[in-house]
C-alpha atoms as a PDB file:
ATOM      1  CA  MET A   1      81.130  -2.234 -18.195  1.00  0.00           C
ATOM      2  CA  ASN A   2      84.250  -3.957 -17.025  1.00  0.00           C
ATOM      3  CA  LYS A   3      85.559  -6.525 -19.522  1.00  0.00           C
ATOM      4  CA  ASN A   4      86.845  -8.728 -16.676  1.00  0.00           C
ATOM      5  CA  ILE A   5      83.276  -9.169 -15.441  1.00  0.00           C
ATOM      6  CA  GLU A   6      82.126 -10.086 -18.944  1.00  0.00           C
ATOM      7  CA  ILE A   7      84.883 -12.696 -19.285  1.00  0.00           C
ATOM      8  CA  LYS A   8      84.255 -14.158 -15.814  1.00  0.00           C
ATOM      9  CA  PHE A   9      80.509 -14.684 -16.229  1.00  0.00           C
ATOM     10  CA  GLY A  10      80.583 -15.521 -19.910  1.00  0.00           C
ATOM     11  CA  SER A  11      78.980 -13.661 -22.723  1.00  0.00           C
ATOM     12  CA  VAL A  12      75.603 -15.421 -22.439  1.00  0.00           C
ATOM     13  CA  ILE A  13      74.792 -14.122 -18.970  1.00  0.00           C
ATOM     14  CA  TYR A  14      76.307 -10.739 -19.715  1.00  0.00           C
ATOM     15  CA  ASP A  15      74.213 -10.478 -22.901  1.00  0.00           C
ATOM     16  CA  LYS A  16      71.045 -11.386 -21.009  1.00  0.00           C
ATOM     17  CA  ILE A  17      71.699  -8.707 -18.403  1.00  0.00           C
ATOM     18  CA  ASN A  18      72.305  -6.177 -21.175  1.00  0.00           C
ATOM     19  CA  ALA A  19      69.146  -7.246 -23.031  1.00  0.00           C
ATOM     20  CA  VAL A  20      66.874  -6.395 -20.115  1.00  0.00           C
ATOM     21  CA  ARG A  21      65.580  -2.849 -20.030  1.00  0.00           C
ATOM     22  CA  MET A  22      66.886  -1.238 -16.827  1.00  0.00           C
ATOM     23  CA  SER A  23      68.799   1.759 -15.588  1.00  0.00           C
ATOM     24  CA  PRO A  24      72.594   1.674 -15.373  1.00  0.00           C
ATOM     25  CA  SER A  25      72.430   1.521 -11.574  1.00  0.00           C
ATOM     26  CA  GLU A  26      70.040  -1.453 -11.720  1.00  0.00           C
ATOM     27  CA  ARG A  27      72.342  -3.135 -14.241  1.00  0.00           C
ATOM     28  CA  LEU A  28      75.270  -2.680 -11.874  1.00  0.00           C
ATOM     29  CA  VAL A  29      73.225  -4.198  -9.037  1.00  0.00           C
ATOM     30  CA  ALA A  30      72.413  -7.203 -11.252  1.00  0.00           C
ATOM     31  CA  ILE A  31      76.046  -7.717 -12.196  1.00  0.00           C
ATOM     32  CA  ASN A  32      77.115  -7.411  -8.556  1.00  0.00           C
ATOM     33  CA  ALA A  33      74.468  -9.971  -7.566  1.00  0.00           C
ATOM     34  CA  MET A  34      75.837 -12.384 -10.181  1.00  0.00           C
ATOM     35  CA  ARG A  35      79.354 -11.828  -8.849  1.00  0.00           C
ATOM     36  CA  ASP A  36      78.192 -12.473  -5.278  1.00  0.00           C
ATOM     37  CA  ALA A  37      76.332 -15.633  -6.326  1.00  0.00           C
ATOM     38  CA  ASP A  38      79.438 -16.877  -8.118  1.00  0.00           C
ATOM     39  CA  ALA A  39      81.523 -16.275  -4.996  1.00  0.00           C
ATOM     40  CA  ILE A  40      79.010 -18.187  -2.845  1.00  0.00           C
ATOM     41  CA  VAL A  41      79.023 -21.141  -5.247  1.00  0.00           C
ATOM     42  CA  ASP A  42      82.836 -21.144  -5.275  1.00  0.00           C
ATOM     43  CA  ALA A  43      82.872 -21.192  -1.464  1.00  0.00           C
ATOM     44  CA  ILE A  44      80.383 -24.071  -1.300  1.00  0.00           C
ATOM     45  CA  LEU A  45      82.375 -26.089  -3.828  1.00  0.00           C
ATOM     46  CA  TRP A  46      85.611 -25.414  -1.924  1.00  0.00           C
ATOM     47  CA  LEU A  47      83.987 -26.504   1.356  1.00  0.00           C
ATOM     48  CA  THR A  48      82.560 -29.648  -0.255  1.00  0.00           C
ATOM     49  CA  HIS A  49      86.006 -30.537  -1.597  1.00  0.00           C
ATOM     50  CA  LYS A  50      87.584 -30.035   1.833  1.00  0.00           C
ATOM     51  CA  VAL A  51      84.948 -32.233   3.522  1.00  0.00           C
ATOM     52  CA  GLU A  52      85.654 -34.968   0.954  1.00  0.00           C
ATOM     53  CA  GLN A  53      89.381 -34.698   1.668  1.00  0.00           C
ATOM     54  CA  LEU A  54      88.769 -34.872   5.410  1.00  0.00           C
ATOM     55  CA  GLY A  55      86.523 -37.918   5.013  1.00  0.00           C
ATOM     56  CA  ALA A  56      89.159 -39.678   2.929  1.00  0.00           C
ATOM     57  CA  LEU A  57      91.800 -38.881   5.524  1.00  0.00           C
ATOM     58  CA  LEU A  58      89.689 -40.131   8.439  1.00  0.00           C
ATOM     59  CA  PHE A  59      88.120 -43.229   6.923  1.00  0.00           C
ATOM     60  CA  LEU A  60      90.699 -44.548   4.492  1.00  0.00           C
ATOM     61  CA  LYS A  61      93.793 -45.112   6.591  1.00  0.00           C
ATOM     62  CA  PRO A  62      96.695 -46.136   4.331  1.00  0.00           C
ATOM     63  CA  GLY A  63      98.073 -48.812   6.701  1.00  0.00           C
ATOM     64  CA  ILE A  64      94.898 -50.916   6.860  1.00  0.00           C
ATOM     65  CA  LYS A  65      94.761 -53.891   4.471  1.00  0.00           C
ATOM     66  CA  HIS A  66      91.401 -55.263   3.386  1.00  0.00           C
ATOM     67  CA  ASN A  67      91.222 -58.960   2.438  1.00  0.00           C
END
């Protein structure tokens, strides 16, 4: 297996995938599914951060003083 994948997902998840009895092709599918899930989570977090930035830009105008 690729060491970069092991480092990215952490040894706990990698160890659990290795502990399950499956063929090498099934193991590769499982690792690819974990990689895809990680990419989806990263995209959702990025989008959430951008929405927060947009909300701050639209609703918190710097020139308005609140008394």
